[in-house]
Amino acid sequence: MKRVKLKSKGVAFNVEDVQQKILFDYANSKSNFSAHIKALLLKDMLGIPTHQSRRDRAVIDYFRD
């Protein structure tokens, strides 16, 4: 059986910062955070825009302020 060589990249959240706490909670809501991030990274690399709902735009606007 071939051994798999895994590497990880951690993400740190300052949960005392409101914006980062929101991101942390959202990350924890994902059943497979690793796969979710990999899909987002691939879309970013390929220049594929992600779907933006009204809720997404509201979140983006919140973080801009």
Protein backbone atom coordinates (compact mmCIF):
# COMPACT_ATOMS: atom_id res chain seq x y z
CA MET A 1 0.00 0.00 0.00
CA LYS A 2 1.36 3.42 -0.98
CA ARG A 3 1.91 5.87 1.87
CA VAL A 4 0.20 9.22 1.60
CA LYS A 5 2.27 12.28 2.41
CA LEU A 6 -0.03 14.89 3.91
CA LYS A 7 0.86 18.46 4.77
CA SER A 8 -1.40 20.92 6.51
CA LYS A 9 -1.76 24.69 6.58
CA GLY A 10 -3.39 26.09 9.69
CA VAL A 11 -5.72 29.03 9.89
CA ALA A 12 -5.76 31.09 13.08
CA PHE A 13 -8.77 33.14 14.17
CA ASN A 14 -8.76 35.81 16.85
CA VAL A 15 -12.20 35.03 18.29
CA GLU A 16 -12.16 38.24 20.32
CA ASP A 17 -12.40 40.15 17.01
CA VAL A 18 -16.03 40.18 15.86
CA GLN A 19 -15.26 39.72 12.17
CA GLN A 20 -12.86 36.86 12.78
CA LYS A 21 -15.32 35.23 15.19
CA ILE A 22 -17.94 35.25 12.42
CA LEU A 23 -15.45 33.58 10.07
CA PHE A 24 -14.49 31.05 12.74
CA ASP A 25 -18.12 30.12 13.39
CA TYR A 26 -18.75 29.76 9.66
CA ALA A 27 -15.65 27.58 9.25
CA ASN A 28 -16.87 25.36 12.08
CA SER A 29 -20.25 24.98 10.38
CA LYS A 30 -18.63 23.16 7.47
CA SER A 31 -18.67 19.38 7.78
CA ASN A 32 -15.49 19.13 5.69
CA PHE A 33 -13.58 22.40 6.13
CA SER A 34 -10.53 21.09 4.28
CA ALA A 35 -12.49 20.20 1.14
CA HIS A 36 -14.37 23.51 1.29
CA ILE A 37 -11.14 25.53 1.42
CA LYS A 38 -9.55 23.46 -1.35
CA ALA A 39 -12.55 24.12 -3.60
CA LEU A 40 -12.33 27.87 -2.90
CA LEU A 41 -8.58 27.89 -3.57
CA LEU A 42 -9.05 26.04 -6.87
CA LYS A 43 -11.74 28.48 -8.01
CA ASP A 44 -9.45 31.38 -7.08
CA MET A 45 -6.52 29.86 -8.99
CA LEU A 46 -8.67 29.33 -12.08
CA GLY A 47 -10.23 32.77 -11.85
CA ILE A 48 -13.71 31.32 -11.42
CA PRO A 49 -15.98 33.77 -9.61
CA THR A 50 -17.87 32.40 -6.65
CA HIS A 51 -21.61 32.79 -6.53
CA GLN A 52 -22.68 35.83 -4.55
CA SER A 53 -26.08 35.85 -2.91
CA ARG A 54 -27.59 38.87 -1.19
CA ARG A 55 -26.36 37.44 2.09
CA ASP A 56 -22.84 37.14 0.67
CA ARG A 57 -22.88 40.76 -0.46
CA ALA A 58 -24.11 41.84 2.97
CA VAL A 59 -21.21 40.00 4.61
CA ILE A 60 -18.73 41.55 2.18
CA ASP A 61 -20.15 44.99 2.86
CA TYR A 62 -19.90 44.33 6.61
CA PHE A 63 -16.22 43.45 6.33
CA ARG A 64 -15.48 46.51 4.19
CA ASP A 65 -16.67 48.84 6.96
